[in-house]
Amino acid sequence: DSKTSPDFDIPMNNAEKQMYDLTVIKN
């Protein structure tokens, strides 16, 4: 299922979310 997500989450503030997006690495 392509909609499954990793079983962990990395907390990030808004400024950090704009600097990087680790979705590909999580996948």
PDB file of all heavy atoms in Angstrom:
ATOM      1  N   ASP A   1       0.845  -1.188   0.000  1.00  0.00           N
ATOM      2  CA  ASP A   1       0.000   0.000   0.000  1.00  0.00           C
ATOM      3  C   ASP A   1       0.880   1.236   0.000  1.00  0.00           C
ATOM      4  O   ASP A   1       1.686   1.437   0.896  1.00  0.00           O
ATOM      5  CB  ASP A   1      -0.892  -0.010   1.242  1.00  0.00           C
ATOM      6  CG  ASP A   1      -1.833   1.177   1.301  1.00  0.00           C
ATOM      7  OD1 ASP A   1      -1.909   1.937   0.315  1.00  0.00           O
ATOM      8  OD2 ASP A   1      -2.496   1.334   2.340  1.00  0.00           O
ATOM      9  N   SER A   2       0.734   2.081  -0.999  1.00  0.00           N
ATOM     10  CA  SER A   2       1.571   3.282  -1.114  1.00  0.00           C
ATOM     11  C   SER A   2       1.198   4.348  -0.101  1.00  0.00           C
ATOM     12  O   SER A   2       1.891   5.336   0.043  1.00  0.00           O
ATOM     13  CB  SER A   2       1.481   3.854  -2.533  1.00  0.00           C
ATOM     14  OG  SER A   2       0.164   4.270  -2.784  1.00  0.00           O
ATOM     15  N   LYS A   3       0.092   4.140   0.606  1.00  0.00           N
ATOM     16  CA  LYS A   3      -0.331   5.160   1.565  1.00  0.00           C
ATOM     17  C   LYS A   3       0.184   4.881   2.979  1.00  0.00           C
ATOM     18  O   LYS A   3      -0.041   5.666   3.878  1.00  0.00           O
ATOM     19  CB  LYS A   3      -1.857   5.253   1.571  1.00  0.00           C
ATOM     20  CG  LYS A   3      -2.383   5.804   0.271  1.00  0.00           C
ATOM     21  CD  LYS A   3      -3.874   5.944   0.279  1.00  0.00           C
ATOM     22  CE  LYS A   3      -4.270   6.629  -1.006  1.00  0.00           C
ATOM     23  NZ  LYS A   3      -5.374   6.176  -1.661  1.00  0.00           N
ATOM     24  N   THR A   4       0.880   3.772   3.141  1.00  0.00           N
ATOM     25  CA  THR A   4       1.401   3.492   4.473  1.00  0.00           C
ATOM     26  C   THR A   4       2.513   4.475   4.783  1.00  0.00           C
ATOM     27  O   THR A   4       3.255   4.893   3.913  1.00  0.00           O
ATOM     28  CB  THR A   4       1.942   2.055   4.574  1.00  0.00           C
ATOM     29  OG1 THR A   4       2.955   1.885   3.611  1.00  0.00           O
ATOM     30  CG2 THR A   4       0.842   1.034   4.404  1.00  0.00           C
ATOM     31  N   SER A   5       2.619   4.829   6.047  1.00  0.00           N
ATOM     32  CA  SER A   5       3.639   5.789   6.447  1.00  0.00           C
ATOM     33  C   SER A   5       4.533   5.171   7.500  1.00  0.00           C
ATOM     34  O   SER A   5       4.168   4.189   8.130  1.00  0.00           O
ATOM     35  CB  SER A   5       2.985   7.062   6.981  1.00  0.00           C
ATOM     36  OG  SER A   5       2.201   6.752   8.093  1.00  0.00           O
ATOM     37  N   PRO A   6       5.714   5.748   7.695  1.00  0.00           N
ATOM     38  CA  PRO A   6       6.624   5.216   8.693  1.00  0.00           C
ATOM     39  C   PRO A   6       5.989   5.223  10.075  1.00  0.00           C
ATOM     40  O   PRO A   6       5.098   6.013  10.347  1.00  0.00           O
ATOM     41  CB  PRO A   6       7.809   6.185   8.640  1.00  0.00           C
ATOM     42  CG  PRO A   6       7.671   6.937   7.372  1.00  0.00           C
ATOM     43  CD  PRO A   6       6.231   6.911   7.016  1.00  0.00           C
ATOM     44  N   ASP A   7       6.497   4.340  10.951  1.00  0.00           N
ATOM     45  CA  ASP A   7       5.936   4.259  12.291  1.00  0.00           C
ATOM     46  C   ASP A   7       6.620   5.203  13.271  1.00  0.00           C
ATOM     47  O   ASP A   7       6.575   5.001  14.469  1.00  0.00           O
ATOM     48  CB  ASP A   7       6.003   2.818  12.805  1.00  0.00           C
ATOM     49  CG  ASP A   7       7.429   2.312  12.904  1.00  0.00           C
ATOM     50  OD1 ASP A   7       8.363   3.046  12.541  1.00  0.00           O
ATOM     51  OD2 ASP A   7       7.596   1.165  13.359  1.00  0.00           O
ATOM     52  N   PHE A   8       7.251   6.227  12.779  1.00  0.00           N
ATOM     53  CA  PHE A   8       7.849   7.237  13.644  1.00  0.00           C
ATOM     54  C   PHE A   8       7.645   8.599  13.019  1.00  0.00           C
ATOM     55  O   PHE A   8       7.412   8.719  11.820  1.00  0.00           O
ATOM     56  CB  PHE A   8       9.350   6.971  13.868  1.00  0.00           C
ATOM     57  CG  PHE A   8      10.183   7.096  12.627  1.00  0.00           C
ATOM     58  CD1 PHE A   8      10.816   8.283  12.318  1.00  0.00           C
ATOM     59  CD2 PHE A   8      10.331   6.026  11.759  1.00  0.00           C
ATOM     60  CE1 PHE A   8      11.588   8.402  11.169  1.00  0.00           C
ATOM     61  CE2 PHE A   8      11.097   6.143  10.613  1.00  0.00           C
ATOM     62  CZ  PHE A   8      11.732   7.336  10.320  1.00  0.00           C
ATOM     63  N   ASP A   9       7.710   9.605  13.833  1.00  0.00           N
ATOM     64  CA  ASP A   9       7.541  10.967  13.336  1.00  0.00           C
ATOM     65  C   ASP A   9       8.654  11.822  13.903  1.00  0.00           C
ATOM     66  O   ASP A   9       9.032  11.671  15.055  1.00  0.00           O
ATOM     67  CB  ASP A   9       6.178  11.517  13.752  1.00  0.00           C
ATOM     68  CG  ASP A   9       5.825  12.786  13.013  1.00  0.00           C
ATOM     69  OD1 ASP A   9       6.288  12.945  11.864  1.00  0.00           O
ATOM     70  OD2 ASP A   9       5.098  13.615  13.579  1.00  0.00           O
ATOM     71  N   ILE A  10       9.173  12.712  13.076  1.00  0.00           N
ATOM     72  CA  ILE A  10      10.226  13.622  13.491  1.00  0.00           C
ATOM     73  C   ILE A  10       9.597  14.999  13.679  1.00  0.00           C
ATOM     74  O   ILE A  10       9.110  15.583  12.719  1.00  0.00           O
ATOM     75  CB  ILE A  10      11.349  13.701  12.428  1.00  0.00           C
ATOM     76  CG1 ILE A  10      11.907  12.304  12.115  1.00  0.00           C
ATOM     77  CG2 ILE A  10      12.433  14.654  12.861  1.00  0.00           C
ATOM     78  CD1 ILE A  10      12.544  11.601  13.287  1.00  0.00           C
ATOM     79  N   PRO A  11       9.596  15.508  14.906  1.00  0.00           N
ATOM     80  CA  PRO A  11       8.984  16.827  15.118  1.00  0.00           C
ATOM     81  C   PRO A  11       9.820  17.930  14.475  1.00  0.00           C
ATOM     82  O   PRO A  11      11.037  17.939  14.571  1.00  0.00           O
ATOM     83  CB  PRO A  11       8.981  16.962  16.644  1.00  0.00           C
ATOM     84  CG  PRO A  11      10.053  16.051  17.115  1.00  0.00           C
ATOM     85  CD  PRO A  11      10.157  14.947  16.118  1.00  0.00           C
ATOM     86  N   MET A  12       9.156  18.844  13.787  1.00  0.00           N
ATOM     87  CA  MET A  12       9.842  19.963  13.158  1.00  0.00           C
ATOM     88  C   MET A  12       8.977  21.204  13.302  1.00  0.00           C
ATOM     89  O   MET A  12       7.759  21.118  13.226  1.00  0.00           O
ATOM     90  CB  MET A  12      10.056  19.700  11.657  1.00  0.00           C
ATOM     91  CG  MET A  12      11.068  18.634  11.348  1.00  0.00           C
ATOM     92  SD  MET A  12      11.333  18.487   9.575  1.00  0.00           S
ATOM     93  CE  MET A  12       9.926  17.530   9.086  1.00  0.00           C
ATOM     94  N   ASN A  13       9.627  22.354  13.482  1.00  0.00           N
ATOM     95  CA  ASN A  13       8.860  23.593  13.495  1.00  0.00           C
ATOM     96  C   ASN A  13       8.664  24.064  12.050  1.00  0.00           C
ATOM     97  O   ASN A  13       9.213  23.495  11.118  1.00  0.00           O
ATOM     98  CB  ASN A  13       9.536  24.645  14.392  1.00  0.00           C
ATOM     99  CG  ASN A  13      10.885  25.075  13.873  1.00  0.00           C
ATOM    100  OD1 ASN A  13      11.090  25.216  12.678  1.00  0.00           O
ATOM    101  ND2 ASN A  13      11.827  25.290  14.782  1.00  0.00           N
ATOM    102  N   ASN A  14       7.876  25.110  11.839  1.00  0.00           N
ATOM    103  CA  ASN A  14       7.531  25.560  10.482  1.00  0.00           C
ATOM    104  C   ASN A  14       8.740  25.993   9.666  1.00  0.00           C
ATOM    105  O   ASN A  14       8.818  25.711   8.479  1.00  0.00           O
ATOM    106  CB  ASN A  14       6.497  26.687  10.542  1.00  0.00           C
ATOM    107  CG  ASN A  14       5.126  26.171  10.919  1.00  0.00           C
ATOM    108  OD1 ASN A  14       4.830  24.996  10.729  1.00  0.00           O
ATOM    109  ND2 ASN A  14       4.289  27.028  11.467  1.00  0.00           N
ATOM    110  N   ALA A  15       9.692  26.702  10.285  1.00  0.00           N
ATOM    111  CA  ALA A  15      10.876  27.148   9.550  1.00  0.00           C
ATOM    112  C   ALA A  15      11.670  25.950   9.058  1.00  0.00           C
ATOM    113  O   ALA A  15      12.160  25.934   7.926  1.00  0.00           O
ATOM    114  CB  ALA A  15      11.750  28.042  10.429  1.00  0.00           C
ATOM    115  N   GLU A  16      11.782  24.916   9.895  1.00  0.00           N
ATOM    116  CA  GLU A  16      12.519  23.723   9.493  1.00  0.00           C
ATOM    117  C   GLU A  16      11.788  22.973   8.394  1.00  0.00           C
ATOM    118  O   GLU A  16      12.401  22.422   7.489  1.00  0.00           O
ATOM    119  CB  GLU A  16      12.744  22.820  10.707  1.00  0.00           C
ATOM    120  CG  GLU A  16      13.773  23.421  11.648  1.00  0.00           C
ATOM    121  CD  GLU A  16      13.650  22.912  13.068  1.00  0.00           C
ATOM    122  OE1 GLU A  16      12.607  22.297  13.402  1.00  0.00           O
ATOM    123  OE2 GLU A  16      14.593  23.138  13.830  1.00  0.00           O
ATOM    124  N   LYS A  17      10.467  22.938   8.442  1.00  0.00           N
ATOM    125  CA  LYS A  17       9.702  22.274   7.398  1.00  0.00           C
ATOM    126  C   LYS A  17       9.951  22.933   6.043  1.00  0.00           C
ATOM    127  O   LYS A  17       9.902  22.275   5.019  1.00  0.00           O
ATOM    128  CB  LYS A  17       8.212  22.282   7.737  1.00  0.00           C
ATOM    129  CG  LYS A  17       7.852  21.304   8.827  1.00  0.00           C
ATOM    130  CD  LYS A  17       6.378  21.357   9.134  1.00  0.00           C
ATOM    131  CE  LYS A  17       6.058  20.425  10.290  1.00  0.00           C
ATOM    132  NZ  LYS A  17       4.667  20.497  10.698  1.00  0.00           N
ATOM    133  N   GLN A  18      10.221  24.216   6.053  1.00  0.00           N
ATOM    134  CA  GLN A  18      10.486  24.912   4.802  1.00  0.00           C
ATOM    135  C   GLN A  18      11.902  24.632   4.298  1.00  0.00           C
ATOM    136  O   GLN A  18      12.163  24.754   3.118  1.00  0.00           O
ATOM    137  CB  GLN A  18      10.290  26.414   4.982  1.00  0.00           C
ATOM    138  CG  GLN A  18       8.848  26.778   5.230  1.00  0.00           C
ATOM    139  CD  GLN A  18       8.660  28.248   5.549  1.00  0.00           C
ATOM    140  OE1 GLN A  18       9.606  29.002   5.686  1.00  0.00           O
ATOM    141  NE2 GLN A  18       7.413  28.656   5.680  1.00  0.00           N
ATOM    142  N   MET A  19      12.826  24.253   5.182  1.00  0.00           N
ATOM    143  CA  MET A  19      14.207  23.987   4.778  1.00  0.00           C
ATOM    144  C   MET A  19      14.368  22.605   4.167  1.00  0.00           C
ATOM    145  O   MET A  19      15.208  22.401   3.318  1.00  0.00           O
ATOM    146  CB  MET A  19      15.162  24.117   5.969  1.00  0.00           C
ATOM    147  CG  MET A  19      15.354  25.534   6.435  1.00  0.00           C
ATOM    148  SD  MET A  19      16.738  25.725   7.580  1.00  0.00           S
ATOM    149  CE  MET A  19      16.230  24.738   8.979  1.00  0.00           C
ATOM    150  N   TYR A  20      13.593  21.640   4.638  1.00  0.00           N
ATOM    151  CA  TYR A  20      13.713  20.282   4.132  1.00  0.00           C
ATOM    152  C   TYR A  20      12.411  19.510   4.322  1.00  0.00           C
ATOM    153  O   TYR A  20      11.571  19.876   5.131  1.00  0.00           O
ATOM    154  CB  TYR A  20      14.876  19.527   4.788  1.00  0.00           C
ATOM    155  CG  TYR A  20      14.870  19.537   6.303  1.00  0.00           C
ATOM    156  CD1 TYR A  20      14.104  18.635   7.036  1.00  0.00           C
ATOM    157  CD2 TYR A  20      15.655  20.438   7.009  1.00  0.00           C
ATOM    158  CE1 TYR A  20      14.110  18.634   8.420  1.00  0.00           C
ATOM    159  CE2 TYR A  20      15.676  20.449   8.402  1.00  0.00           C
ATOM    160  CZ  TYR A  20      14.901  19.541   9.098  1.00  0.00           C
ATOM    161  OH  TYR A  20      14.914  19.541  10.466  1.00  0.00           O
ATOM    162  N   ASP A  21      12.279  18.450   3.547  1.00  0.00           N
ATOM    163  CA  ASP A  21      11.132  17.559   3.645  1.00  0.00           C
ATOM    164  C   ASP A  21      11.681  16.140   3.549  1.00  0.00           C
ATOM    165  O   ASP A  21      12.162  15.726   2.496  1.00  0.00           O
ATOM    166  CB  ASP A  21      10.148  17.837   2.510  1.00  0.00           C
ATOM    167  CG  ASP A  21       8.958  16.890   2.507  1.00  0.00           C
ATOM    168  OD1 ASP A  21       8.877  16.011   3.391  1.00  0.00           O
ATOM    169  OD2 ASP A  21       8.115  17.022   1.606  1.00  0.00           O
ATOM    170  N   LEU A  22      11.621  15.409   4.623  1.00  0.00           N
ATOM    171  CA  LEU A  22      12.254  14.091   4.704  1.00  0.00           C
ATOM    172  C   LEU A  22      11.330  12.942   4.301  1.00  0.00           C
ATOM    173  O   LEU A  22      11.628  11.783   4.568  1.00  0.00           O
ATOM    174  CB  LEU A  22      12.795  13.885   6.118  1.00  0.00           C
ATOM    175  CG  LEU A  22      13.805  14.953   6.562  1.00  0.00           C
ATOM    176  CD1 LEU A  22      14.191  14.748   8.010  1.00  0.00           C
ATOM    177  CD2 LEU A  22      15.020  14.967   5.664  1.00  0.00           C
ATOM    178  N   THR A  23      10.256  13.254   3.610  1.00  0.00           N
ATOM    179  CA  THR A  23       9.288  12.239   3.201  1.00  0.00           C
ATOM    180  C   THR A  23       9.932  11.147   2.354  1.00  0.00           C
ATOM    181  O   THR A  23       9.672   9.956   2.566  1.00  0.00           O
ATOM    182  CB  THR A  23       8.122  12.888   2.425  1.00  0.00           C
ATOM    183  OG1 THR A  23       7.535  13.886   3.246  1.00  0.00           O
ATOM    184  CG2 THR A  23       7.085  11.863   2.018  1.00  0.00           C
ATOM    185  N   VAL A  24      10.764  11.507   1.390  1.00  0.00           N
ATOM    186  CA  VAL A  24      11.396  10.517   0.516  1.00  0.00           C
ATOM    187  C   VAL A  24      12.278   9.585   1.341  1.00  0.00           C
ATOM    188  O   VAL A  24      12.231   8.361   1.175  1.00  0.00           O
ATOM    189  CB  VAL A  24      12.207  11.196  -0.611  1.00  0.00           C
ATOM    190  CG1 VAL A  24      13.028  10.179  -1.404  1.00  0.00           C
ATOM    191  CG2 VAL A  24      11.277  11.964  -1.549  1.00  0.00           C
ATOM    192  N   ILE A  25      13.068  10.147   2.254  1.00  0.00           N
ATOM    193  CA  ILE A  25      13.946   9.329   3.093  1.00  0.00           C
ATOM    194  C   ILE A  25      13.111   8.410   3.988  1.00  0.00           C
ATOM    195  O   ILE A  25      13.437   7.238   4.164  1.00  0.00           O
ATOM    196  CB  ILE A  25      14.882  10.219   3.942  1.00  0.00           C
ATOM    197  CG1 ILE A  25      15.768  11.088   3.050  1.00  0.00           C
ATOM    198  CG2 ILE A  25      15.732   9.379   4.887  1.00  0.00           C
ATOM    199  CD1 ILE A  25      16.680  10.330   2.122  1.00  0.00           C
ATOM    200  N   LYS A  26      12.012   8.921   4.525  1.00  0.00           N
ATOM    201  CA  LYS A  26      11.131   8.084   5.350  1.00  0.00           C
ATOM    202  C   LYS A  26      10.560   6.931   4.524  1.00  0.00           C
ATOM    203  O   LYS A  26      10.466   5.798   5.000  1.00  0.00           O
ATOM    204  CB  LYS A  26       9.991   8.908   5.945  1.00  0.00           C
ATOM    205  CG  LYS A  26      10.431   9.819   7.071  1.00  0.00           C
ATOM    206  CD  LYS A  26       9.238  10.599   7.607  1.00  0.00           C
ATOM    207  CE  LYS A  26       9.640  11.555   8.701  1.00  0.00           C
ATOM    208  NZ  LYS A  26       8.495  12.327   9.207  1.00  0.00           N
ATOM    209  N   ASN A  27      10.192   7.209   3.281  1.00  0.00           N
ATOM    210  CA  ASN A  27       9.650   6.162   2.416  1.00  0.00           C
ATOM    211  C   ASN A  27      10.705   5.118   2.066  1.00  0.00           C
ATOM    212  O   ASN A  27      10.426   3.928   2.035  1.00  0.00           O
ATOM    213  CB  ASN A  27       9.043   6.749   1.148  1.00  0.00           C
ATOM    214  CG  ASN A  27       7.725   7.441   1.400  1.00  0.00           C
ATOM    215  OD1 ASN A  27       6.995   7.090   2.319  1.00  0.00           O
ATOM    216  ND2 ASN A  27       7.416   8.437   0.600  1.00  0.00           N
TER     217      ASN A  27
END
